Every structure is written in C-alpha cells, then in structure tokens.
C-alpha cells in the first residue's frame, strides 16, 4: 500500500507543472489570422477612398459659385412659366 501511495504522490508532483500550464507559451499569430486581418484592412481602405472623393465633391459644391447664366435658369419665374 505504501508503494502505491508513494507512486501516486510522485506521479502527481511530477504532473503538476503540466496541469498548471495555460498555453501562453505559443508565440506569434497563424498565417490565416494575418491573412484575414489584411483582408479586413483592404476592405476598410477601399471603402475609405470613395468616401473621401464624395466628401471632396460635397465641399466643392458648397464653396463654388454658380455662374450668372446658370443662376437664371434655376429660378422659377412667377406664374409657373
């Protein structure tokens, strides 16, 4: 019986560090994770460029003057004609 208890104690003491390991020893990211993050970054960049173009055209439309001739055609004359 003593031999069995000693064997169990030695086994549990030697296995304790393996049971306590949390897996944080793994370094780096997998290739698929890097590929996925790169794909998401490309989507964000390719959506950002048209947004900037639209914003620039809105600003250009707000701060440019309308020529006199175009102004006359935009106004509605009284009487609907």
PDB file of N, CA and C in Angstrom:
ATOM      1  N   UNK A   1       0.823  -1.197   0.000  1.00  0.00           N
ATOM      2  CA  UNK A   1       0.000   0.000   0.000  1.00  0.00           C
ATOM      3  C   UNK A   1       0.870   1.264   0.000  1.00  0.00           C
ATOM      4  N   UNK A   2       1.972   1.172   0.781  1.00  0.00           N
ATOM      5  CA  UNK A   2       2.864   2.329   0.824  1.00  0.00           C
ATOM      6  C   UNK A   2       3.462   2.610  -0.552  1.00  0.00           C
ATOM      7  N   UNK A   3       3.780   1.596  -1.266  1.00  0.00           N
ATOM      8  CA  UNK A   3       4.376   1.757  -2.586  1.00  0.00           C
ATOM      9  C   UNK A   3       3.378   2.417  -3.527  1.00  0.00           C
ATOM     10  N   UNK A   4       2.132   2.071  -3.450  1.00  0.00           N
ATOM     11  CA  UNK A   4       1.093   2.665  -4.294  1.00  0.00           C
ATOM     12  C   UNK A   4       0.914   4.151  -3.976  1.00  0.00           C
ATOM     13  N   UNK A   5       0.891   4.494  -2.698  1.00  0.00           N
ATOM     14  CA  UNK A   5       0.735   5.896  -2.287  1.00  0.00           C
ATOM     15  C   UNK A   5       1.952   6.706  -2.744  1.00  0.00           C
ATOM     16  N   UNK A   6       3.161   6.159  -2.572  1.00  0.00           N
ATOM     17  CA  UNK A   6       4.367   6.869  -3.000  1.00  0.00           C
ATOM     18  C   UNK A   6       4.369   7.055  -4.525  1.00  0.00           C
ATOM     19  N   UNK A   7       3.948   6.061  -5.235  1.00  0.00           N
ATOM     20  CA  UNK A   7       3.893   6.153  -6.688  1.00  0.00           C
ATOM     21  C   UNK A   7       2.891   7.231  -7.122  1.00  0.00           C
ATOM     22  N   UNK A   8       1.729   7.276  -6.473  1.00  0.00           N
ATOM     23  CA  UNK A   8       0.733   8.315  -6.780  1.00  0.00           C
ATOM     24  C   UNK A   8       1.261   9.709  -6.464  1.00  0.00           C
ATOM     25  N   UNK A   9       1.936   9.855  -5.348  1.00  0.00           N
ATOM     26  CA  UNK A   9       2.476  11.166  -4.954  1.00  0.00           C
ATOM     27  C   UNK A   9       3.534  11.622  -5.958  1.00  0.00           C
ATOM     28  N   UNK A  10       4.441  10.730  -6.308  1.00  0.00           N
ATOM     29  CA  UNK A  10       5.489  11.088  -7.267  1.00  0.00           C
ATOM     30  C   UNK A  10       4.870  11.438  -8.620  1.00  0.00           C
ATOM     31  N   UNK A  11       3.857  10.702  -9.034  1.00  0.00           N
ATOM     32  CA  UNK A  11       3.199  10.970 -10.309  1.00  0.00           C
ATOM     33  C   UNK A  11       2.487  12.318 -10.289  1.00  0.00           C
ATOM     34  N   UNK A  12       1.764  12.608  -9.221  1.00  0.00           N
ATOM     35  CA  UNK A  12       1.042  13.879  -9.129  1.00  0.00           C
ATOM     36  C   UNK A  12       1.993  15.068  -9.021  1.00  0.00           C
ATOM     37  N   UNK A  13       3.090  14.920  -8.292  1.00  0.00           N
ATOM     38  CA  UNK A  13       4.053  16.015  -8.153  1.00  0.00           C
ATOM     39  C   UNK A  13       4.735  16.292  -9.488  1.00  0.00           C
ATOM     40  N   UNK A  14       5.068  15.272 -10.220  1.00  0.00           N
ATOM     41  CA  UNK A  14       5.748  15.486 -11.494  1.00  0.00           C
ATOM     42  C   UNK A  14       4.784  15.982 -12.577  1.00  0.00           C
ATOM     43  N   UNK A  15       3.478  15.706 -12.436  1.00  0.00           N
ATOM     44  CA  UNK A  15       2.499  16.123 -13.434  1.00  0.00           C
ATOM     45  C   UNK A  15       1.916  17.501 -13.130  1.00  0.00           C
ATOM     46  N   UNK A  16       2.156  18.051 -11.960  1.00  0.00           N
ATOM     47  CA  UNK A  16       1.568  19.333 -11.572  1.00  0.00           C
ATOM     48  C   UNK A  16       1.971  20.476 -12.504  1.00  0.00           C
ATOM     49  N   UNK A  17       3.232  20.629 -12.903  1.00  0.00           N
ATOM     50  CA  UNK A  17       3.561  21.724 -13.834  1.00  0.00           C
ATOM     51  C   UNK A  17       2.857  21.591 -15.180  1.00  0.00           C
ATOM     52  N   UNK A  18       2.649  20.384 -15.644  1.00  0.00           N
ATOM     53  CA  UNK A  18       1.963  20.192 -16.916  1.00  0.00           C
ATOM     54  C   UNK A  18       0.488  20.555 -16.792  1.00  0.00           C
ATOM     55  N   UNK A  19      -0.106  20.283 -15.661  1.00  0.00           N
ATOM     56  CA  UNK A  19      -1.508  20.613 -15.456  1.00  0.00           C
ATOM     57  C   UNK A  19      -1.705  22.108 -15.236  1.00  0.00           C
ATOM     58  N   UNK A  20      -0.674  22.789 -14.739  1.00  0.00           N
ATOM     59  CA  UNK A  20      -0.785  24.212 -14.456  1.00  0.00           C
ATOM     60  C   UNK A  20      -0.494  25.079 -15.674  1.00  0.00           C
ATOM     61  N   UNK A  21       0.014  24.513 -16.745  1.00  0.00           N
ATOM     62  CA  UNK A  21       0.347  25.290 -17.934  1.00  0.00           C
ATOM     63  C   UNK A  21      -0.925  25.845 -18.548  1.00  0.00           C
ATOM     64  N   UNK A  22      -0.888  27.120 -18.966  1.00  0.00           N
ATOM     65  CA  UNK A  22      -2.080  27.750 -19.528  1.00  0.00           C
ATOM     66  C   UNK A  22      -1.994  27.930 -21.039  1.00  0.00           C
ATOM     67  N   UNK A  23      -0.920  27.528 -21.664  1.00  0.00           N
ATOM     68  CA  UNK A  23      -0.823  27.611 -23.114  1.00  0.00           C
ATOM     69  C   UNK A  23      -0.353  28.949 -23.630  1.00  0.00           C
ATOM     70  N   UNK A  24       0.134  29.824 -22.761  1.00  0.00           N
ATOM     71  CA  UNK A  24       0.573  31.145 -23.212  1.00  0.00           C
ATOM     72  C   UNK A  24       1.963  31.115 -23.821  1.00  0.00           C
ATOM     73  N   UNK A  25       2.561  29.958 -23.895  1.00  0.00           N
ATOM     74  CA  UNK A  25       3.892  29.856 -24.469  1.00  0.00           C
ATOM     75  C   UNK A  25       3.883  29.938 -25.985  1.00  0.00           C
ATOM     76  N   UNK A  26       2.704  29.864 -26.590  1.00  0.00           N
ATOM     77  CA  UNK A  26       2.605  29.926 -28.042  1.00  0.00           C
ATOM     78  C   UNK A  26       2.854  31.362 -28.483  1.00  0.00           C
ATOM     79  N   UNK A  27       3.822  31.550 -29.348  1.00  0.00           N
ATOM     80  CA  UNK A  27       4.178  32.891 -29.812  1.00  0.00           C
ATOM     81  C   UNK A  27       3.749  33.076 -31.253  1.00  0.00           C
ATOM     82  N   UNK A  28       3.390  34.313 -31.617  1.00  0.00           N
ATOM     83  CA  UNK A  28       3.058  34.627 -32.993  1.00  0.00           C
ATOM     84  C   UNK A  28       1.617  34.302 -33.333  1.00  0.00           C
ATOM     85  N   UNK A  29       1.219  34.758 -34.500  1.00  0.00           N
ATOM     86  CA  UNK A  29      -0.130  34.517 -34.983  1.00  0.00           C
ATOM     87  C   UNK A  29      -0.078  33.555 -36.159  1.00  0.00           C
ATOM     88  N   UNK A  30      -1.166  32.913 -36.390  1.00  0.00           N
ATOM     89  CA  UNK A  30      -1.198  31.992 -37.515  1.00  0.00           C
ATOM     90  C   UNK A  30      -1.277  32.774 -38.823  1.00  0.00           C
ATOM     91  N   UNK A  31      -0.918  32.129 -39.899  1.00  0.00           N
ATOM     92  CA  UNK A  31      -0.923  32.761 -41.214  1.00  0.00           C
ATOM     93  C   UNK A  31      -2.342  33.139 -41.630  1.00  0.00           C
ATOM     94  N   UNK A  32      -3.309  32.296 -41.294  1.00  0.00           N
ATOM     95  CA  UNK A  32      -4.692  32.592 -41.670  1.00  0.00           C
ATOM     96  C   UNK A  32      -5.221  33.822 -40.938  1.00  0.00           C
ATOM     97  N   UNK A  33      -4.821  34.017 -39.691  1.00  0.00           N
ATOM     98  CA  UNK A  33      -5.254  35.201 -38.947  1.00  0.00           C
ATOM     99  C   UNK A  33      -4.685  36.468 -39.575  1.00  0.00           C
ATOM    100  N   UNK A  34      -3.428  36.428 -39.944  1.00  0.00           N
ATOM    101  CA  UNK A  34      -2.801  37.593 -40.585  1.00  0.00           C
ATOM    102  C   UNK A  34      -3.457  37.870 -41.934  1.00  0.00           C
ATOM    103  N   UNK A  35      -3.762  36.819 -42.683  1.00  0.00           N
ATOM    104  CA  UNK A  35      -4.427  36.975 -43.968  1.00  0.00           C
ATOM    105  C   UNK A  35      -5.818  37.579 -43.803  1.00  0.00           C
ATOM    106  N   UNK A  36      -6.550  37.129 -42.806  1.00  0.00           N
ATOM    107  CA  UNK A  36      -7.888  37.664 -42.543  1.00  0.00           C
ATOM    108  C   UNK A  36      -7.830  39.133 -42.143  1.00  0.00           C
ATOM    109  N   UNK A  37      -6.920  39.492 -41.257  1.00  0.00           N
ATOM    110  CA  UNK A  37      -6.790  40.891 -40.841  1.00  0.00           C
ATOM    111  C   UNK A  37      -6.364  41.783 -42.001  1.00  0.00           C
ATOM    112  N   UNK A  38      -5.523  41.278 -42.877  1.00  0.00           N
ATOM    113  CA  UNK A  38      -5.139  42.038 -44.061  1.00  0.00           C
ATOM    114  C   UNK A  38      -6.317  42.252 -45.000  1.00  0.00           C
ATOM    115  N   UNK A  39      -7.163  41.236 -45.145  1.00  0.00           N
ATOM    116  CA  UNK A  39      -8.346  41.353 -45.990  1.00  0.00           C
ATOM    117  C   UNK A  39      -9.312  42.387 -45.427  1.00  0.00           C
ATOM    118  N   UNK A  40      -9.511  42.391 -44.123  1.00  0.00           N
ATOM    119  CA  UNK A  40     -10.387  43.389 -43.483  1.00  0.00           C
ATOM    120  C   UNK A  40      -9.808  44.788 -43.666  1.00  0.00           C
ATOM    121  N   UNK A  41      -8.498  44.926 -43.552  1.00  0.00           N
ATOM    122  CA  UNK A  41      -7.863  46.232 -43.752  1.00  0.00           C
ATOM    123  C   UNK A  41      -8.051  46.718 -45.192  1.00  0.00           C
ATOM    124  N   UNK A  42      -7.973  45.812 -46.156  1.00  0.00           N
ATOM    125  CA  UNK A  42      -8.202  46.202 -47.552  1.00  0.00           C
ATOM    126  C   UNK A  42      -9.627  46.665 -47.782  1.00  0.00           C
ATOM    127  N   UNK A  43     -10.585  45.994 -47.168  1.00  0.00           N
ATOM    128  CA  UNK A  43     -11.983  46.411 -47.303  1.00  0.00           C
ATOM    129  C   UNK A  43     -12.165  47.818 -46.745  1.00  0.00           C
ATOM    130  N   UNK A  44     -11.578  48.096 -45.593  1.00  0.00           N
ATOM    131  CA  UNK A  44     -11.713  49.412 -44.969  1.00  0.00           C
ATOM    132  C   UNK A  44     -11.073  50.481 -45.855  1.00  0.00           C
ATOM    133  N   UNK A  45      -9.896  50.210 -46.396  1.00  0.00           N
ATOM    134  CA  UNK A  45      -9.207  51.191 -47.236  1.00  0.00           C
ATOM    135  C   UNK A  45      -9.995  51.457 -48.515  1.00  0.00           C
ATOM    136  N   UNK A  46     -10.503  50.383 -49.139  1.00  0.00           N
ATOM    137  CA  UNK A  46     -11.229  50.564 -50.392  1.00  0.00           C
ATOM    138  C   UNK A  46     -12.595  51.192 -50.186  1.00  0.00           C
ATOM    139  N   UNK A  47     -13.117  51.207 -49.000  1.00  0.00           N
ATOM    140  CA  UNK A  47     -14.354  51.936 -48.717  1.00  0.00           C
ATOM    141  C   UNK A  47     -14.056  53.379 -48.306  1.00  0.00           C
ATOM    142  N   UNK A  48     -12.871  53.626 -47.805  1.00  0.00           N
ATOM    143  CA  UNK A  48     -12.494  54.957 -47.352  1.00  0.00           C
ATOM    144  C   UNK A  48     -12.219  55.889 -48.531  1.00  0.00           C
ATOM    145  N   UNK A  49     -11.637  55.366 -49.596  1.00  0.00           N
ATOM    146  CA  UNK A  49     -11.283  56.193 -50.760  1.00  0.00           C
ATOM    147  C   UNK A  49     -12.529  56.788 -51.427  1.00  0.00           C
ATOM    148  N   UNK A  50     -13.588  56.017 -51.744  1.00  0.00           N
ATOM    149  CA  UNK A  50     -14.782  56.643 -52.320  1.00  0.00           C
ATOM    150  C   UNK A  50     -15.452  57.627 -51.362  1.00  0.00           C
ATOM    151  N   UNK A  51     -15.353  57.382 -50.081  1.00  0.00           N
ATOM    152  CA  UNK A  51     -15.908  58.317 -49.105  1.00  0.00           C
ATOM    153  C   UNK A  51     -15.193  59.654 -49.150  1.00  0.00           C
ATOM    154  N   UNK A  52     -13.882  59.617 -49.290  1.00  0.00           N
ATOM    155  CA  UNK A  52     -13.123  60.869 -49.400  1.00  0.00           C
ATOM    156  C   UNK A  52     -13.464  61.616 -50.684  1.00  0.00           C
ATOM    157  N   UNK A  53     -13.635  60.890 -51.786  1.00  0.00           N
ATOM    158  CA  UNK A  53     -13.992  61.529 -53.051  1.00  0.00           C
ATOM    159  C   UNK A  53     -15.362  62.186 -52.937  1.00  0.00           C
ATOM    160  N   UNK A  54     -16.312  61.494 -52.331  1.00  0.00           N
ATOM    161  CA  UNK A  54     -17.648  62.059 -52.147  1.00  0.00           C
ATOM    162  C   UNK A  54     -17.608  63.290 -51.247  1.00  0.00           C
ATOM    163  N   UNK A  55     -16.833  63.234 -50.179  1.00  0.00           N
ATOM    164  CA  UNK A  55     -16.711  64.376 -49.271  1.00  0.00           C
ATOM    165  C   UNK A  55     -16.095  65.574 -49.983  1.00  0.00           C
ATOM    166  N   UNK A  56     -15.077  65.328 -50.807  1.00  0.00           N
ATOM    167  CA  UNK A  56     -14.447  66.428 -51.554  1.00  0.00           C
ATOM    168  C   UNK A  56     -15.422  67.036 -52.549  1.00  0.00           C
ATOM    169  N   UNK A  57     -16.243  66.222 -53.196  1.00  0.00           N
ATOM    170  CA  UNK A  57     -17.199  66.785 -54.156  1.00  0.00           C
ATOM    171  C   UNK A  57     -18.309  67.562 -53.450  1.00  0.00           C
ATOM    172  N   UNK A  58     -18.691  67.142 -52.266  1.00  0.00           N
ATOM    173  CA  UNK A  58     -19.673  67.905 -51.487  1.00  0.00           C
ATOM    174  C   UNK A  58     -19.103  69.270 -51.110  1.00  0.00           C
ATOM    175  N   UNK A  59     -17.856  69.282 -50.641  1.00  0.00           N
ATOM    176  CA  UNK A  59     -17.222  70.555 -50.281  1.00  0.00           C
ATOM    177  C   UNK A  59     -17.060  71.457 -51.498  1.00  0.00           C
ATOM    178  N   UNK A  60     -16.686  70.878 -52.631  1.00  0.00           N
ATOM    179  CA  UNK A  60     -16.542  71.666 -53.844  1.00  0.00           C
ATOM    180  C   UNK A  60     -17.888  72.262 -54.253  1.00  0.00           C
ATOM    181  N   UNK A  61     -18.956  71.504 -54.122  1.00  0.00           N
ATOM    182  CA  UNK A  61     -20.280  72.003 -54.471  1.00  0.00           C
ATOM    183  C   UNK A  61     -20.760  73.090 -53.534  1.00  0.00           C
ATOM    184  N   UNK A  62     -20.356  73.014 -52.274  1.00  0.00           N
ATOM    185  CA  UNK A  62     -20.778  74.040 -51.311  1.00  0.00           C
ATOM    186  C   UNK A  62     -20.044  75.361 -51.505  1.00  0.00           C
ATOM    187  N   UNK A  63     -18.776  75.296 -51.894  1.00  0.00           N
ATOM    188  CA  UNK A  63     -17.969  76.507 -51.914  1.00  0.00           C
ATOM    189  C   UNK A  63     -17.680  77.058 -53.309  1.00  0.00           C
ATOM    190  N   UNK A  64     -18.318  76.551 -54.341  1.00  0.00           N
ATOM    191  CA  UNK A  64     -18.134  77.143 -55.672  1.00  0.00           C
ATOM    192  C   UNK A  64     -19.324  78.038 -56.001  1.00  0.00           C
ATOM    193  N   UNK A  65     -19.048  79.072 -56.760  1.00  0.00           N
ATOM    194  CA  UNK A  65     -20.123  79.995 -57.157  1.00  0.00           C
ATOM    195  C   UNK A  65     -20.803  79.481 -58.405  1.00  0.00           C
ATOM    196  N   UNK A  66     -22.093  79.705 -58.500  1.00  0.00           N
ATOM    197  CA  UNK A  66     -22.853  79.344 -59.688  1.00  0.00           C
ATOM    198  C   UNK A  66     -22.735  80.501 -60.680  1.00  0.00           C
ATOM    199  N   UNK A  67     -22.413  80.244 -61.946  1.00  0.00           N
ATOM    200  CA  UNK A  67     -22.336  81.325 -62.943  1.00  0.00           C
ATOM    201  C   UNK A  67     -23.695  82.008 -63.119  1.00  0.00           C
ATOM    202  N   UNK A  68     -23.680  83.261 -63.557  1.00  0.00           N
ATOM    203  CA  UNK A  68     -24.907  84.062 -63.700  1.00  0.00           C
ATOM    204  C   UNK A  68     -25.910  83.378 -64.624  1.00  0.00           C
ATOM    205  N   UNK A  69     -25.445  82.842 -65.737  1.00  0.00           N
ATOM    206  CA  UNK A  69     -26.344  82.227 -66.688  1.00  0.00           C
ATOM    207  C   UNK A  69     -27.062  81.021 -66.067  1.00  0.00           C
ATOM    208  N   UNK A  70     -26.348  80.220 -65.316  1.00  0.00           N
ATOM    209  CA  UNK A  70     -26.950  79.057 -64.676  1.00  0.00           C
ATOM    210  C   UNK A  70     -27.915  79.487 -63.575  1.00  0.00           C
ATOM    211  N   UNK A  71     -27.611  80.604 -62.917  1.00  0.00           N
ATOM    212  CA  UNK A  71     -28.497  81.113 -61.869  1.00  0.00           C
ATOM    213  C   UNK A  71     -29.860  81.488 -62.431  1.00  0.00           C
ATOM    214  N   UNK A  72     -29.860  82.077 -63.624  1.00  0.00           N
ATOM    215  CA  UNK A  72     -31.117  82.498 -64.237  1.00  0.00           C
ATOM    216  C   UNK A  72     -31.981  81.305 -64.609  1.00  0.00           C
ATOM    217  N   UNK A  73     -31.372  80.241 -65.033  1.00  0.00           N
ATOM    218  CA  UNK A  73     -32.158  79.065 -65.417  1.00  0.00           C
ATOM    219  C   UNK A  73     -32.688  78.312 -64.200  1.00  0.00           C
ATOM    220  N   UNK A  74     -32.074  78.489 -63.044  1.00  0.00           N
ATOM    221  CA  UNK A  74     -32.514  77.797 -61.838  1.00  0.00           C
ATOM    222  C   UNK A  74     -33.742  78.459 -61.213  1.00  0.00           C
ATOM    223  N   UNK A  75     -33.893  79.753 -61.389  1.00  0.00           N
ATOM    224  CA  UNK A  75     -35.028  80.455 -60.788  1.00  0.00           C
ATOM    225  C   UNK A  75     -36.310  80.196 -61.561  1.00  0.00           C
ATOM    226  N   UNK A  76     -37.379  79.999 -60.811  1.00  0.00           N
ATOM    227  CA  UNK A  76     -38.693  79.804 -61.432  1.00  0.00           C
ATOM    228  C   UNK A  76     -39.352  81.170 -61.543  1.00  0.00           C
ATOM    229  N   UNK A  77     -39.853  81.480 -62.726  1.00  0.00           N
ATOM    230  CA  UNK A  77     -40.498  82.793 -62.940  1.00  0.00           C
ATOM    231  C   UNK A  77     -41.903  82.748 -62.363  1.00  0.00           C
ATOM    232  N   UNK A  78     -42.403  83.923 -61.960  1.00  0.00           N
ATOM    233  CA  UNK A  78     -43.763  83.961 -61.421  1.00  0.00           C
ATOM    234  C   UNK A  78     -44.772  83.541 -62.469  1.00  0.00           C
ATOM    235  N   UNK A  79     -45.764  82.826 -62.054  1.00  0.00           N
ATOM    236  CA  UNK A  79     -46.780  82.362 -62.984  1.00  0.00           C
ATOM    237  C   UNK A  79     -46.502  80.952 -63.461  1.00  0.00           C
ATOM    238  N   UNK A  80     -45.399  80.350 -63.042  1.00  0.00           N
ATOM    239  CA  UNK A  80     -45.093  78.978 -63.409  1.00  0.00           C
ATOM    240  C   UNK A  80     -44.545  78.809 -64.790  1.00  0.00           C
ATOM    241  N   UNK A  81     -44.208  79.865 -65.501  1.00  0.00           N
ATOM    242  CA  UNK A  81     -43.694  79.718 -66.859  1.00  0.00           C
ATOM    243  C   UNK A  81     -42.333  80.309 -66.991  1.00  0.00           C
TER     244      UNK A  81
END
